[in-house]
Amino acid sequence: MATFEYDENEVKEIIDRVVRRTMNMDFTWGWSCGVAFYGIGKAWEVTGNQEYIDFLVKWVDEYLEIGLPKMMVNACAMGHTLLTLHEATGDSKYLELAVMKAEYLRNDAIRFEDGVFQHTVSSKNDFPEQAWADTLFMAAYFLLRIGFKLDNKEYIDDALKQFYWHEEYLQDNKTNLFYHAWDNTRKDNLSGIYWARANAWAAYTMAKAFRMLNPFMPMWMQIGDALRDQLSALVRLQSPDNMWHTILDDETSYLETSATAGIAAALTVNAHPLHQKYIAKAYEGILSNIDEEGSVRNVSSGTAVMYTAEDYKLVPKKRIQGWGQGLVLAFMAALIEKKN
């Protein structure tokens, strides 16, 4: 297969189906919503469908009237949507709120050694001195985006510091895969599992960040090398069923759609010519997990750093999840972006 040929109209139909199903989910202002709405934002970018923006405006404005919850690292994922709404509408209130989130990350977010964001999912000290791969999407990538938008060197430098240390703590030098988390108190990677969605968060955000940097920035080389080696390892772990297992190196663990979509999106953005066949396989695998209503199926539930591999295998995958919808949309949007 020289190139992956697909029907753009089919991709846009899938995007619309997944977006409309996502619109009928009742989110709260948090990371699940942040990833889902990031996907809708990417869908708008590649289709220009004004209905997608109108929905996001109505939803965000209603939530602003009710009042936002306390700031936390994971909920900064909603910053992606705020940046998209400012781009689409020009309304300064969305940018002002995005800046509030960036300032929270810069000045108030819990950090540990080397200034690394501690993973938090509430206003509490959830996981003391732990770094999770999730934070690269929820906070670091957002901070990088707003940094470039505002030409704010402090935001950019802090975002790149997060990429640097998350790679140092999470990427295994032998396999080049990412662990789920790092515990700075224990000085280890806890259960030491190569969880697939963690690798999707890392791969996708590094692929996007690499495109934003230039060769005169040292982190351009660092992120590029880390991404190159990770993707090289990941493509060799794709199952014959076109997907990735929820534990990447354990064929007895179930195949998982959100990770597959995130990894496929990273491969598409990175655009290595020899990776076309893996993207094509992933596309088929993902399509087989989207039902007629646009629900993305076989997506693992919200997952803490589990104690054992067996625990990861027992994480439920029955329900529709915002991150599954959002990562599928990110992948489909990346296909259209590359083609055009």
C-alpha atoms as a PDB file:
ATOM      1  CA  MET A   1       0.000   0.000   0.000  1.00  0.00           C
ATOM      2  CA  ALA A   2       1.663   3.199  -1.196  1.00  0.00           C
ATOM      3  CA  THR A   3      -0.910   5.564   0.273  1.00  0.00           C
ATOM      4  CA  PHE A   4      -4.072   5.220   2.310  1.00  0.00           C
ATOM      5  CA  GLU A   5      -6.954   6.198   0.059  1.00  0.00           C
ATOM      6  CA  TYR A   6     -10.281   6.920   1.721  1.00  0.00           C
ATOM      7  CA  ASP A   7     -13.585   8.516   0.833  1.00  0.00           C
ATOM      8  CA  GLU A   8     -13.637  12.058   2.242  1.00  0.00           C
ATOM      9  CA  ASN A   9     -17.423  12.119   2.106  1.00  0.00           C
ATOM     10  CA  GLU A  10     -17.506   8.966   4.203  1.00  0.00           C
ATOM     11  CA  VAL A  11     -15.181  10.530   6.753  1.00  0.00           C
ATOM     12  CA  LYS A  12     -17.328  13.654   6.955  1.00  0.00           C
ATOM     13  CA  GLU A  13     -20.454  11.538   7.397  1.00  0.00           C
ATOM     14  CA  ILE A  14     -18.770   9.683  10.258  1.00  0.00           C
ATOM     15  CA  ILE A  15     -17.709  12.999  11.792  1.00  0.00           C
ATOM     16  CA  ASP A  16     -21.269  14.331  11.641  1.00  0.00           C
ATOM     17  CA  ARG A  17     -22.723  11.170  13.143  1.00  0.00           C
ATOM     18  CA  VAL A  18     -20.239  11.161  16.032  1.00  0.00           C
ATOM     19  CA  VAL A  19     -20.642  14.909  16.649  1.00  0.00           C
ATOM     20  CA  ARG A  20     -24.435  14.671  16.808  1.00  0.00           C
ATOM     21  CA  ARG A  21     -24.290  11.758  19.242  1.00  0.00           C
ATOM     22  CA  THR A  22     -21.796  13.709  21.357  1.00  0.00           C
ATOM     23  CA  MET A  23     -24.150  16.695  21.423  1.00  0.00           C
ATOM     24  CA  ASN A  24     -26.705  14.500  23.195  1.00  0.00           C
ATOM     25  CA  MET A  25     -24.396  13.609  26.073  1.00  0.00           C
ATOM     26  CA  ASP A  26     -24.842  15.421  29.397  1.00  0.00           C
ATOM     27  CA  PHE A  27     -21.359  16.540  30.369  1.00  0.00           C
ATOM     28  CA  THR A  28     -20.087  18.566  33.274  1.00  0.00           C
ATOM     29  CA  TRP A  29     -17.200  21.035  32.976  1.00  0.00           C
ATOM     30  CA  GLY A  30     -14.272  18.644  33.135  1.00  0.00           C
ATOM     31  CA  TRP A  31     -11.788  16.575  31.217  1.00  0.00           C
ATOM     32  CA  SER A  32     -14.294  14.228  29.557  1.00  0.00           C
ATOM     33  CA  CYS A  33     -16.147  17.227  28.190  1.00  0.00           C
ATOM     34  CA  GLY A  34     -12.845  18.882  27.296  1.00  0.00           C
ATOM     35  CA  VAL A  35     -11.744  15.994  25.085  1.00  0.00           C
ATOM     36  CA  ALA A  36     -15.190  15.512  23.527  1.00  0.00           C
ATOM     37  CA  PHE A  37     -15.548  19.199  22.700  1.00  0.00           C
ATOM     38  CA  TYR A  38     -11.957  19.385  21.452  1.00  0.00           C
ATOM     39  CA  GLY A  39     -13.068  16.779  18.930  1.00  0.00           C
ATOM     40  CA  ILE A  40     -16.115  18.836  17.946  1.00  0.00           C
ATOM     41  CA  GLY A  41     -13.842  21.846  17.543  1.00  0.00           C
ATOM     42  CA  LYS A  42     -11.564  19.886  15.216  1.00  0.00           C
ATOM     43  CA  ALA A  43     -14.655  18.721  13.323  1.00  0.00           C
ATOM     44  CA  TRP A  44     -15.663  22.350  12.799  1.00  0.00           C
ATOM     45  CA  GLU A  45     -12.180  23.251  11.580  1.00  0.00           C
ATOM     46  CA  VAL A  46     -12.256  20.683   8.772  1.00  0.00           C
ATOM     47  CA  THR A  47     -15.933  20.874   7.806  1.00  0.00           C
ATOM     48  CA  GLY A  48     -16.867  24.485   8.530  1.00  0.00           C
ATOM     49  CA  ASN A  49     -20.227  23.256   9.871  1.00  0.00           C
ATOM     50  CA  GLN A  50     -21.626  26.222  11.810  1.00  0.00           C
ATOM     51  CA  GLU A  51     -23.999  23.962  13.761  1.00  0.00           C
ATOM     52  CA  TYR A  52     -21.015  22.553  15.639  1.00  0.00           C
ATOM     53  CA  ILE A  53     -19.917  26.001  16.800  1.00  0.00           C
ATOM     54  CA  ASP A  54     -23.472  27.076  17.604  1.00  0.00           C
ATOM     55  CA  PHE A  55     -23.828  24.063  19.878  1.00  0.00           C
ATOM     56  CA  LEU A  56     -20.551  24.773  21.681  1.00  0.00           C
ATOM     57  CA  VAL A  57     -21.446  28.448  22.144  1.00  0.00           C
ATOM     58  CA  LYS A  58     -24.843  27.599  23.606  1.00  0.00           C
ATOM     59  CA  TRP A  59     -23.432  24.929  25.933  1.00  0.00           C
ATOM     60  CA  VAL A  60     -20.498  27.007  27.210  1.00  0.00           C
ATOM     61  CA  ASP A  61     -22.591  30.172  27.665  1.00  0.00           C
ATOM     62  CA  GLU A  62     -25.199  28.272  29.673  1.00  0.00           C
ATOM     63  CA  TYR A  63     -22.487  26.841  31.905  1.00  0.00           C
ATOM     64  CA  LEU A  64     -20.954  30.285  32.403  1.00  0.00           C
ATOM     65  CA  GLU A  65     -24.339  31.520  33.658  1.00  0.00           C
ATOM     66  CA  ILE A  66     -24.525  28.665  36.148  1.00  0.00           C
ATOM     67  CA  GLY A  67     -20.952  29.166  37.304  1.00  0.00           C
ATOM     68  CA  LEU A  68     -17.778  27.181  36.729  1.00  0.00           C
ATOM     69  CA  PRO A  69     -16.311  24.710  39.225  1.00  0.00           C
ATOM     70  CA  LYS A  70     -12.985  25.310  40.939  1.00  0.00           C
ATOM     71  CA  MET A  71      -9.911  25.145  38.746  1.00  0.00           C
ATOM     72  CA  MET A  72      -7.998  21.875  38.461  1.00  0.00           C
ATOM     73  CA  VAL A  73      -5.382  20.555  36.065  1.00  0.00           C
ATOM     74  CA  ASN A  74      -7.613  18.033  34.291  1.00  0.00           C
ATOM     75  CA  ALA A  75     -10.447  20.514  33.740  1.00  0.00           C
ATOM     76  CA  CYS A  76      -8.042  22.799  31.877  1.00  0.00           C
ATOM     77  CA  ALA A  77      -8.847  20.511  28.946  1.00  0.00           C
ATOM     78  CA  MET A  78     -11.844  22.801  28.433  1.00  0.00           C
ATOM     79  CA  GLY A  79      -9.356  25.494  27.485  1.00  0.00           C
ATOM     80  CA  HIS A  80      -9.091  23.892  24.048  1.00  0.00           C
ATOM     81  CA  THR A  81     -12.771  24.606  23.398  1.00  0.00           C
ATOM     82  CA  LEU A  82     -12.416  28.188  24.617  1.00  0.00           C
ATOM     83  CA  LEU A  83      -9.593  28.794  22.136  1.00  0.00           C
ATOM     84  CA  THR A  84     -11.703  27.353  19.332  1.00  0.00           C
ATOM     85  CA  LEU A  85     -14.705  29.500  20.284  1.00  0.00           C
ATOM     86  CA  HIS A  86     -12.575  32.634  20.319  1.00  0.00           C
ATOM     87  CA  GLU A  87     -11.237  31.759  16.881  1.00  0.00           C
ATOM     88  CA  ALA A  88     -14.727  31.062  15.557  1.00  0.00           C
ATOM     89  CA  THR A  89     -16.633  33.973  17.112  1.00  0.00           C
ATOM     90  CA  GLY A  90     -14.046  36.596  17.993  1.00  0.00           C
ATOM     91  CA  ASP A  91     -15.743  37.005  21.390  1.00  0.00           C
ATOM     92  CA  SER A  92     -13.099  38.060  23.899  1.00  0.00           C
ATOM     93  CA  LYS A  93     -14.845  36.409  26.863  1.00  0.00           C
ATOM     94  CA  TYR A  94     -13.723  32.994  25.662  1.00  0.00           C
ATOM     95  CA  LEU A  95     -10.106  34.081  25.389  1.00  0.00           C
ATOM     96  CA  GLU A  96     -10.255  35.783  28.782  1.00  0.00           C
ATOM     97  CA  LEU A  97     -11.459  32.569  30.385  1.00  0.00           C
ATOM     98  CA  ALA A  98      -8.779  30.580  28.570  1.00  0.00           C
ATOM     99  CA  VAL A  99      -6.178  32.997  29.962  1.00  0.00           C
ATOM    100  CA  MET A 100      -7.615  32.437  33.445  1.00  0.00           C
ATOM    101  CA  LYS A 101      -6.999  28.727  33.007  1.00  0.00           C
ATOM    102  CA  ALA A 102      -3.472  29.344  31.737  1.00  0.00           C
ATOM    103  CA  GLU A 103      -2.739  31.630  34.678  1.00  0.00           C
ATOM    104  CA  TYR A 104      -4.060  28.984  37.057  1.00  0.00           C
ATOM    105  CA  LEU A 105      -1.643  26.476  35.550  1.00  0.00           C
ATOM    106  CA  ARG A 106       1.246  28.923  35.763  1.00  0.00           C
ATOM    107  CA  ASN A 107       0.636  30.148  39.308  1.00  0.00           C
ATOM    108  CA  ASP A 108      -1.686  27.890  41.296  1.00  0.00           C
ATOM    109  CA  ALA A 109      -1.683  24.333  39.954  1.00  0.00           C
ATOM    110  CA  ILE A 110      -0.090  21.774  42.287  1.00  0.00           C
ATOM    111  CA  ARG A 111       3.420  20.868  41.192  1.00  0.00           C
ATOM    112  CA  PHE A 112       6.208  18.691  42.476  1.00  0.00           C
ATOM    113  CA  GLU A 113       9.948  18.449  41.873  1.00  0.00           C
ATOM    114  CA  ASP A 114      11.175  20.213  38.697  1.00  0.00           C
ATOM    115  CA  GLY A 115       7.880  22.137  38.473  1.00  0.00           C
ATOM    116  CA  VAL A 116       5.909  19.220  37.026  1.00  0.00           C
ATOM    117  CA  PHE A 117       2.119  19.428  37.123  1.00  0.00           C
ATOM    118  CA  GLN A 118       0.669  16.939  39.566  1.00  0.00           C
ATOM    119  CA  HIS A 119      -2.246  15.035  38.090  1.00  0.00           C
ATOM    120  CA  THR A 120      -5.456  16.307  39.670  1.00  0.00           C
ATOM    121  CA  VAL A 121      -9.066  15.525  38.807  1.00  0.00           C
ATOM    122  CA  SER A 122     -10.654  17.637  41.545  1.00  0.00           C
ATOM    123  CA  SER A 123      -9.792  20.644  43.680  1.00  0.00           C
ATOM    124  CA  LYS A 124      -8.088  18.271  46.131  1.00  0.00           C
ATOM    125  CA  ASN A 125      -4.590  16.822  46.278  1.00  0.00           C
ATOM    126  CA  ASP A 126      -5.720  13.731  44.371  1.00  0.00           C
ATOM    127  CA  PHE A 127      -2.513  11.896  43.562  1.00  0.00           C
ATOM    128  CA  PRO A 128       0.396  13.347  45.577  1.00  0.00           C
ATOM    129  CA  GLU A 129       3.513  13.900  43.461  1.00  0.00           C
ATOM    130  CA  GLN A 130       2.216  11.815  40.575  1.00  0.00           C
ATOM    131  CA  ALA A 131       2.610  12.675  36.884  1.00  0.00           C
ATOM    132  CA  TRP A 132       0.191  11.026  34.430  1.00  0.00           C
ATOM    133  CA  ALA A 133       0.372  11.002  30.642  1.00  0.00           C
ATOM    134  CA  ASP A 134      -3.167  12.442  30.573  1.00  0.00           C
ATOM    135  CA  THR A 135      -1.791  15.817  31.688  1.00  0.00           C
ATOM    136  CA  LEU A 136      -0.017  16.275  28.365  1.00  0.00           C
ATOM    137  CA  PHE A 137      -3.386  16.689  26.655  1.00  0.00           C
ATOM    138  CA  MET A 138      -5.355  18.333  29.446  1.00  0.00           C
ATOM    139  CA  ALA A 139      -2.790  20.981  30.402  1.00  0.00           C
ATOM    140  CA  ALA A 140       0.553  20.987  28.576  1.00  0.00           C
ATOM    141  CA  TYR A 141      -0.819  20.993  25.034  1.00  0.00           C
ATOM    142  CA  PHE A 142      -3.424  23.612  25.963  1.00  0.00           C
ATOM    143  CA  LEU A 143      -0.732  25.816  27.518  1.00  0.00           C
ATOM    144  CA  LEU A 144       1.368  25.459  24.378  1.00  0.00           C
ATOM    145  CA  ARG A 145      -1.573  26.377  22.150  1.00  0.00           C
ATOM    146  CA  ILE A 146      -2.476  29.508  24.072  1.00  0.00           C
ATOM    147  CA  GLY A 147       1.191  30.407  24.369  1.00  0.00           C
ATOM    148  CA  PHE A 148       1.592  30.488  20.614  1.00  0.00           C
ATOM    149  CA  LYS A 149      -1.755  32.216  20.139  1.00  0.00           C
ATOM    150  CA  LEU A 150      -0.750  35.057  22.469  1.00  0.00           C
ATOM    151  CA  ASP A 151       2.991  34.927  21.724  1.00  0.00           C
ATOM    152  CA  ASN A 152       3.516  34.353  25.452  1.00  0.00           C
ATOM    153  CA  LYS A 153       6.998  32.927  26.033  1.00  0.00           C
ATOM    154  CA  GLU A 154       6.270  32.015  29.662  1.00  0.00           C
ATOM    155  CA  TYR A 155       3.348  29.827  28.642  1.00  0.00           C
ATOM    156  CA  ILE A 156       5.359  28.192  25.850  1.00  0.00           C
ATOM    157  CA  ASP A 157       8.386  27.518  28.049  1.00  0.00           C
ATOM    158  CA  ASP A 158       6.272  26.050  30.836  1.00  0.00           C
ATOM    159  CA  ALA A 159       4.370  23.844  28.404  1.00  0.00           C
ATOM    160  CA  LEU A 160       7.597  22.545  26.901  1.00  0.00           C
ATOM    161  CA  LYS A 161       8.967  21.907  30.390  1.00  0.00           C
ATOM    162  CA  GLN A 162       5.948  19.679  31.010  1.00  0.00           C
ATOM    163  CA  PHE A 163       6.629  17.751  27.800  1.00  0.00           C
ATOM    164  CA  TYR A 164      10.285  17.387  28.780  1.00  0.00           C
ATOM    165  CA  TRP A 165       9.655  16.000  32.256  1.00  0.00           C
ATOM    166  CA  HIS A 166       6.700  13.825  31.334  1.00  0.00           C
ATOM    167  CA  GLU A 167       8.877  12.194  28.711  1.00  0.00           C
ATOM    168  CA  GLU A 168      11.721  11.796  31.218  1.00  0.00           C
ATOM    169  CA  TYR A 169       9.452  10.211  33.807  1.00  0.00           C
ATOM    170  CA  LEU A 170       7.121   8.179  31.603  1.00  0.00           C
ATOM    171  CA  GLN A 171       8.889   7.010  28.448  1.00  0.00           C
ATOM    172  CA  ASP A 172      10.740   3.736  28.915  1.00  0.00           C
ATOM    173  CA  ASN A 173      14.191   3.863  27.342  1.00  0.00           C
ATOM    174  CA  LYS A 174      14.093   0.206  26.316  1.00  0.00           C
ATOM    175  CA  THR A 175      10.646  -0.156  24.769  1.00  0.00           C
ATOM    176  CA  ASN A 176      10.081   3.555  23.948  1.00  0.00           C
ATOM    177  CA  LEU A 177       6.509   3.121  25.202  1.00  0.00           C
ATOM    178  CA  PHE A 178       4.982   5.373  27.843  1.00  0.00           C
ATOM    179  CA  TYR A 179       4.014   4.171  31.274  1.00  0.00           C
ATOM    180  CA  HIS A 180       0.684   5.327  32.663  1.00  0.00           C
ATOM    181  CA  ALA A 181       2.220   7.351  35.484  1.00  0.00           C
ATOM    182  CA  TRP A 182       5.191   8.269  37.654  1.00  0.00           C
ATOM    183  CA  ASP A 183       5.196   8.470  41.456  1.00  0.00           C
ATOM    184  CA  ASN A 184       7.838  10.936  42.584  1.00  0.00           C
ATOM    185  CA  THR A 185       7.654   9.794  46.189  1.00  0.00           C
ATOM    186  CA  ARG A 186       8.271   6.151  45.348  1.00  0.00           C
ATOM    187  CA  LYS A 187      10.530   7.051  42.411  1.00  0.00           C
ATOM    188  CA  ASP A 188       8.921   4.459  40.159  1.00  0.00           C
ATOM    189  CA  ASN A 189       6.158   3.981  37.604  1.00  0.00           C
ATOM    190  CA  LEU A 190       3.773   2.304  40.068  1.00  0.00           C
ATOM    191  CA  SER A 191       2.403  -0.839  38.411  1.00  0.00           C
ATOM    192  CA  GLY A 192       4.607  -0.194  35.372  1.00  0.00           C
ATOM    193  CA  ILE A 193       1.892  -0.851  32.784  1.00  0.00           C
ATOM    194  CA  TYR A 194       2.107   0.347  29.188  1.00  0.00           C
ATOM    195  CA  TRP A 195      -1.485   1.521  29.107  1.00  0.00           C
ATOM    196  CA  ALA A 196      -2.680   2.225  25.590  1.00  0.00           C
ATOM    197  CA  ARG A 197      -4.621   5.444  26.198  1.00  0.00           C
ATOM    198  CA  ALA A 198      -1.670   6.933  28.072  1.00  0.00           C
ATOM    199  CA  ASN A 199       0.399   6.320  24.961  1.00  0.00           C
ATOM    200  CA  ALA A 200      -2.342   7.919  22.855  1.00  0.00           C
ATOM    201  CA  TRP A 201      -2.271  11.090  24.992  1.00  0.00           C
ATOM    202  CA  ALA A 202       1.503  11.257  24.673  1.00  0.00           C
ATOM    203  CA  ALA A 203       1.727  10.439  20.977  1.00  0.00           C
ATOM    204  CA  TYR A 204      -1.046  12.768  19.822  1.00  0.00           C
ATOM    205  CA  THR A 205       0.089  15.776  21.829  1.00  0.00           C
ATOM    206  CA  MET A 206       3.727  15.309  20.855  1.00  0.00           C
ATOM    207  CA  ALA A 207       2.742  15.038  17.202  1.00  0.00           C
ATOM    208  CA  LYS A 208       0.768  18.280  17.442  1.00  0.00           C
ATOM    209  CA  ALA A 209       3.451  20.046  19.484  1.00  0.00           C
ATOM    210  CA  PHE A 210       6.207  19.010  17.075  1.00  0.00           C
ATOM    211  CA  ARG A 211       4.342  20.725  14.235  1.00  0.00           C
ATOM    212  CA  MET A 212       4.117  23.933  16.270  1.00  0.00           C
ATOM    213  CA  LEU A 213       7.841  24.199  17.036  1.00  0.00           C
ATOM    214  CA  ASN A 214      10.763  25.010  14.787  1.00  0.00           C
ATOM    215  CA  PRO A 215      14.158  23.323  14.357  1.00  0.00           C
ATOM    216  CA  PHE A 216      15.933  26.097  16.251  1.00  0.00           C
ATOM    217  CA  MET A 217      14.149  25.134  19.464  1.00  0.00           C
ATOM    218  CA  PRO A 218      15.890  22.341  21.431  1.00  0.00           C
ATOM    219  CA  MET A 219      12.535  20.789  22.357  1.00  0.00           C
ATOM    220  CA  TRP A 220      11.766  20.368  18.652  1.00  0.00           C
ATOM    221  CA  MET A 221      14.498  17.748  18.557  1.00  0.00           C
ATOM    222  CA  GLN A 222      13.595  16.193  21.910  1.00  0.00           C
ATOM    223  CA  ILE A 223       9.898  15.828  21.130  1.00  0.00           C
ATOM    224  CA  GLY A 224      10.592  14.704  17.572  1.00  0.00           C
ATOM    225  CA  ASP A 225      12.959  11.954  18.686  1.00  0.00           C
ATOM    226  CA  ALA A 226      10.670  10.764  21.486  1.00  0.00           C
ATOM    227  CA  LEU A 227       7.707  10.659  19.117  1.00  0.00           C
ATOM    228  CA  ARG A 228       9.663   8.893  16.369  1.00  0.00           C
ATOM    229  CA  ASP A 229      10.747   6.111  18.701  1.00  0.00           C
ATOM    230  CA  GLN A 230       7.348   5.771  20.367  1.00  0.00           C
ATOM    231  CA  LEU A 231       5.448   5.504  17.084  1.00  0.00           C
ATOM    232  CA  SER A 232       7.986   3.006  15.771  1.00  0.00           C
ATOM    233  CA  ALA A 233       7.244   0.810  18.774  1.00  0.00           C
ATOM    234  CA  LEU A 234       3.489   1.331  18.610  1.00  0.00           C
ATOM    235  CA  VAL A 235       2.991   0.299  14.990  1.00  0.00           C
ATOM    236  CA  ARG A 236       4.650  -3.025  15.747  1.00  0.00           C
ATOM    237  CA  LEU A 237       2.113  -3.680  18.488  1.00  0.00           C
ATOM    238  CA  GLN A 238      -0.998  -3.111  16.378  1.00  0.00           C
ATOM    239  CA  SER A 239      -3.097  -6.269  16.526  1.00  0.00           C
ATOM    240  CA  PRO A 240      -4.149  -8.269  13.454  1.00  0.00           C
ATOM    241  CA  ASP A 241      -7.647  -7.011  14.308  1.00  0.00           C
ATOM    242  CA  ASN A 242      -6.532  -3.471  13.389  1.00  0.00           C
ATOM    243  CA  MET A 243      -6.655  -2.091  16.950  1.00  0.00           C
ATOM    244  CA  TRP A 244      -4.378  -1.708  19.946  1.00  0.00           C
ATOM    245  CA  HIS A 245      -4.823  -3.648  23.168  1.00  0.00           C
ATOM    246  CA  THR A 246      -5.592  -1.662  26.315  1.00  0.00           C
ATOM    247  CA  ILE A 247      -2.289  -3.041  27.666  1.00  0.00           C
ATOM    248  CA  LEU A 248      -0.127  -2.596  24.632  1.00  0.00           C
ATOM    249  CA  ASP A 249       2.139  -5.596  25.105  1.00  0.00           C
ATOM    250  CA  ASP A 250      -0.513  -7.991  26.459  1.00  0.00           C
ATOM    251  CA  GLU A 251      -2.530  -9.757  23.772  1.00  0.00           C
ATOM    252  CA  THR A 252      -4.920 -11.123  26.393  1.00  0.00           C
ATOM    253  CA  SER A 253      -6.129  -7.588  27.210  1.00  0.00           C
ATOM    254  CA  TYR A 254      -9.089  -6.249  25.261  1.00  0.00           C
ATOM    255  CA  LEU A 255      -8.889  -4.091  22.139  1.00  0.00           C
ATOM    256  CA  GLU A 256      -9.672  -0.456  22.977  1.00  0.00           C
ATOM    257  CA  THR A 257     -11.092   2.177  20.646  1.00  0.00           C
ATOM    258  CA  SER A 258     -10.107   5.502  22.223  1.00  0.00           C
ATOM    259  CA  ALA A 259      -6.436   4.535  22.359  1.00  0.00           C
ATOM    260  CA  THR A 260      -6.595   3.243  18.813  1.00  0.00           C
ATOM    261  CA  ALA A 261      -8.085   6.551  17.650  1.00  0.00           C
ATOM    262  CA  GLY A 262      -5.522   8.636  19.532  1.00  0.00           C
ATOM    263  CA  ILE A 263      -2.592   6.608  18.220  1.00  0.00           C
ATOM    264  CA  ALA A 264      -4.000   6.672  14.683  1.00  0.00           C
ATOM    265  CA  ALA A 265      -4.434  10.445  14.950  1.00  0.00           C
ATOM    266  CA  ALA A 266      -0.797  10.775  16.017  1.00  0.00           C
ATOM    267  CA  LEU A 267       0.346   8.618  13.105  1.00  0.00           C
ATOM    268  CA  THR A 268      -1.723  10.748  10.715  1.00  0.00           C
ATOM    269  CA  VAL A 269      -0.367  14.055  12.039  1.00  0.00           C
ATOM    270  CA  ASN A 270       3.191  12.731  12.048  1.00  0.00           C
ATOM    271  CA  ALA A 271       2.749  11.521   8.447  1.00  0.00           C
ATOM    272  CA  HIS A 272       5.567   8.987   8.145  1.00  0.00           C
ATOM    273  CA  PRO A 273       5.102   7.537   4.644  1.00  0.00           C
ATOM    274  CA  LEU A 274       5.612   3.933   5.805  1.00  0.00           C
ATOM    275  CA  HIS A 275       2.902   4.264   8.451  1.00  0.00           C
ATOM    276  CA  GLN A 276       0.067   4.565   5.932  1.00  0.00           C
ATOM    277  CA  LYS A 277      -0.824   0.892   6.213  1.00  0.00           C
ATOM    278  CA  TYR A 278      -1.196   1.099   9.990  1.00  0.00           C
ATOM    279  CA  ILE A 279      -3.466   4.137   9.680  1.00  0.00           C
ATOM    280  CA  ALA A 280      -5.592   2.302   7.116  1.00  0.00           C
ATOM    281  CA  LYS A 281      -5.962  -0.701   9.427  1.00  0.00           C
ATOM    282  CA  ALA A 282      -6.831   1.520  12.382  1.00  0.00           C
ATOM    283  CA  TYR A 283      -9.465   3.289  10.283  1.00  0.00           C
ATOM    284  CA  GLU A 284     -11.193  -0.019   9.588  1.00  0.00           C
ATOM    285  CA  GLY A 285     -10.963  -1.052  13.217  1.00  0.00           C
ATOM    286  CA  ILE A 286     -12.425   2.206  14.452  1.00  0.00           C
ATOM    287  CA  LEU A 287     -15.282   2.164  11.926  1.00  0.00           C
ATOM    288  CA  SER A 288     -16.293  -1.261  13.177  1.00  0.00           C
ATOM    289  CA  ASN A 289     -16.713   0.268  16.647  1.00  0.00           C
ATOM    290  CA  ILE A 290     -18.981   3.188  15.705  1.00  0.00           C
ATOM    291  CA  ASP A 291     -22.665   2.356  15.730  1.00  0.00           C
ATOM    292  CA  GLU A 292     -25.416   3.835  13.571  1.00  0.00           C
ATOM    293  CA  GLU A 293     -26.155   6.540  16.145  1.00  0.00           C
ATOM    294  CA  GLY A 294     -22.541   7.696  16.307  1.00  0.00           C
ATOM    295  CA  SER A 295     -21.638   6.115  19.644  1.00  0.00           C
ATOM    296  CA  VAL A 296     -18.013   5.028  19.821  1.00  0.00           C
ATOM    297  CA  ARG A 297     -17.969   1.600  21.421  1.00  0.00           C
ATOM    298  CA  ASN A 298     -15.392  -0.447  23.371  1.00  0.00           C
ATOM    299  CA  VAL A 299     -13.905   2.591  25.092  1.00  0.00           C
ATOM    300  CA  SER A 300     -12.445   1.940  28.531  1.00  0.00           C
ATOM    301  CA  SER A 301     -13.925   3.878  31.406  1.00  0.00           C
ATOM    302  CA  GLY A 302     -11.980   6.515  33.325  1.00  0.00           C
ATOM    303  CA  THR A 303      -8.932   4.633  34.542  1.00  0.00           C
ATOM    304  CA  ALA A 304      -6.781   5.226  37.591  1.00  0.00           C
ATOM    305  CA  VAL A 305      -3.287   3.739  37.741  1.00  0.00           C
ATOM    306  CA  MET A 306      -4.375   0.209  38.496  1.00  0.00           C
ATOM    307  CA  TYR A 307      -2.477  -2.116  40.812  1.00  0.00           C
ATOM    308  CA  THR A 308      -2.053  -4.991  38.350  1.00  0.00           C
ATOM    309  CA  ALA A 309      -2.430  -5.873  34.692  1.00  0.00           C
ATOM    310  CA  GLU A 310      -5.483  -7.938  35.572  1.00  0.00           C
ATOM    311  CA  ASP A 311      -7.114  -4.834  37.026  1.00  0.00           C
ATOM    312  CA  TYR A 312      -6.652  -2.980  33.729  1.00  0.00           C
ATOM    313  CA  LYS A 313      -8.332  -5.852  31.916  1.00  0.00           C
ATOM    314  CA  LEU A 314     -11.374  -5.490  34.171  1.00  0.00           C
ATOM    315  CA  VAL A 315     -11.893  -1.765  33.534  1.00  0.00           C
ATOM    316  CA  PRO A 316     -15.382  -1.586  31.965  1.00  0.00           C
ATOM    317  CA  LYS A 317     -15.835  -0.648  28.314  1.00  0.00           C
ATOM    318  CA  LYS A 318     -19.593  -0.829  27.979  1.00  0.00           C
ATOM    319  CA  ARG A 319     -20.553   2.864  28.100  1.00  0.00           C
ATOM    320  CA  ILE A 320     -20.098   5.728  25.678  1.00  0.00           C
ATOM    321  CA  GLN A 321     -17.369   8.102  26.888  1.00  0.00           C
ATOM    322  CA  GLY A 322     -16.479  11.671  25.974  1.00  0.00           C
ATOM    323  CA  TRP A 323     -12.826  10.845  25.369  1.00  0.00           C
ATOM    324  CA  GLY A 324     -13.798   8.094  22.950  1.00  0.00           C
ATOM    325  CA  GLN A 325     -15.979  10.467  20.942  1.00  0.00           C
ATOM    326  CA  GLY A 326     -13.357  13.219  21.016  1.00  0.00           C
ATOM    327  CA  LEU A 327     -10.366  11.111  20.006  1.00  0.00           C
ATOM    328  CA  VAL A 328     -12.260   9.540  17.110  1.00  0.00           C
ATOM    329  CA  LEU A 329     -13.167  13.036  15.901  1.00  0.00           C
ATOM    330  CA  ALA A 330      -9.536  14.127  16.269  1.00  0.00           C
ATOM    331  CA  PHE A 331      -8.464  11.209  14.091  1.00  0.00           C
ATOM    332  CA  MET A 332     -11.093  11.805  11.422  1.00  0.00           C
ATOM    333  CA  ALA A 333     -10.268  15.519  11.350  1.00  0.00           C
ATOM    334  CA  ALA A 334      -6.558  14.726  11.002  1.00  0.00           C
ATOM    335  CA  LEU A 335      -7.301  12.597   7.926  1.00  0.00           C
ATOM    336  CA  ILE A 336      -9.059  15.510   6.217  1.00  0.00           C
ATOM    337  CA  GLU A 337      -6.386  18.012   7.311  1.00  0.00           C
ATOM    338  CA  LYS A 338      -3.664  15.857   5.756  1.00  0.00           C
ATOM    339  CA  LYS A 339      -5.557  15.343   2.526  1.00  0.00           C
ATOM    340  CA  ASN A 340      -6.224  19.032   2.090  1.00  0.00           C
END
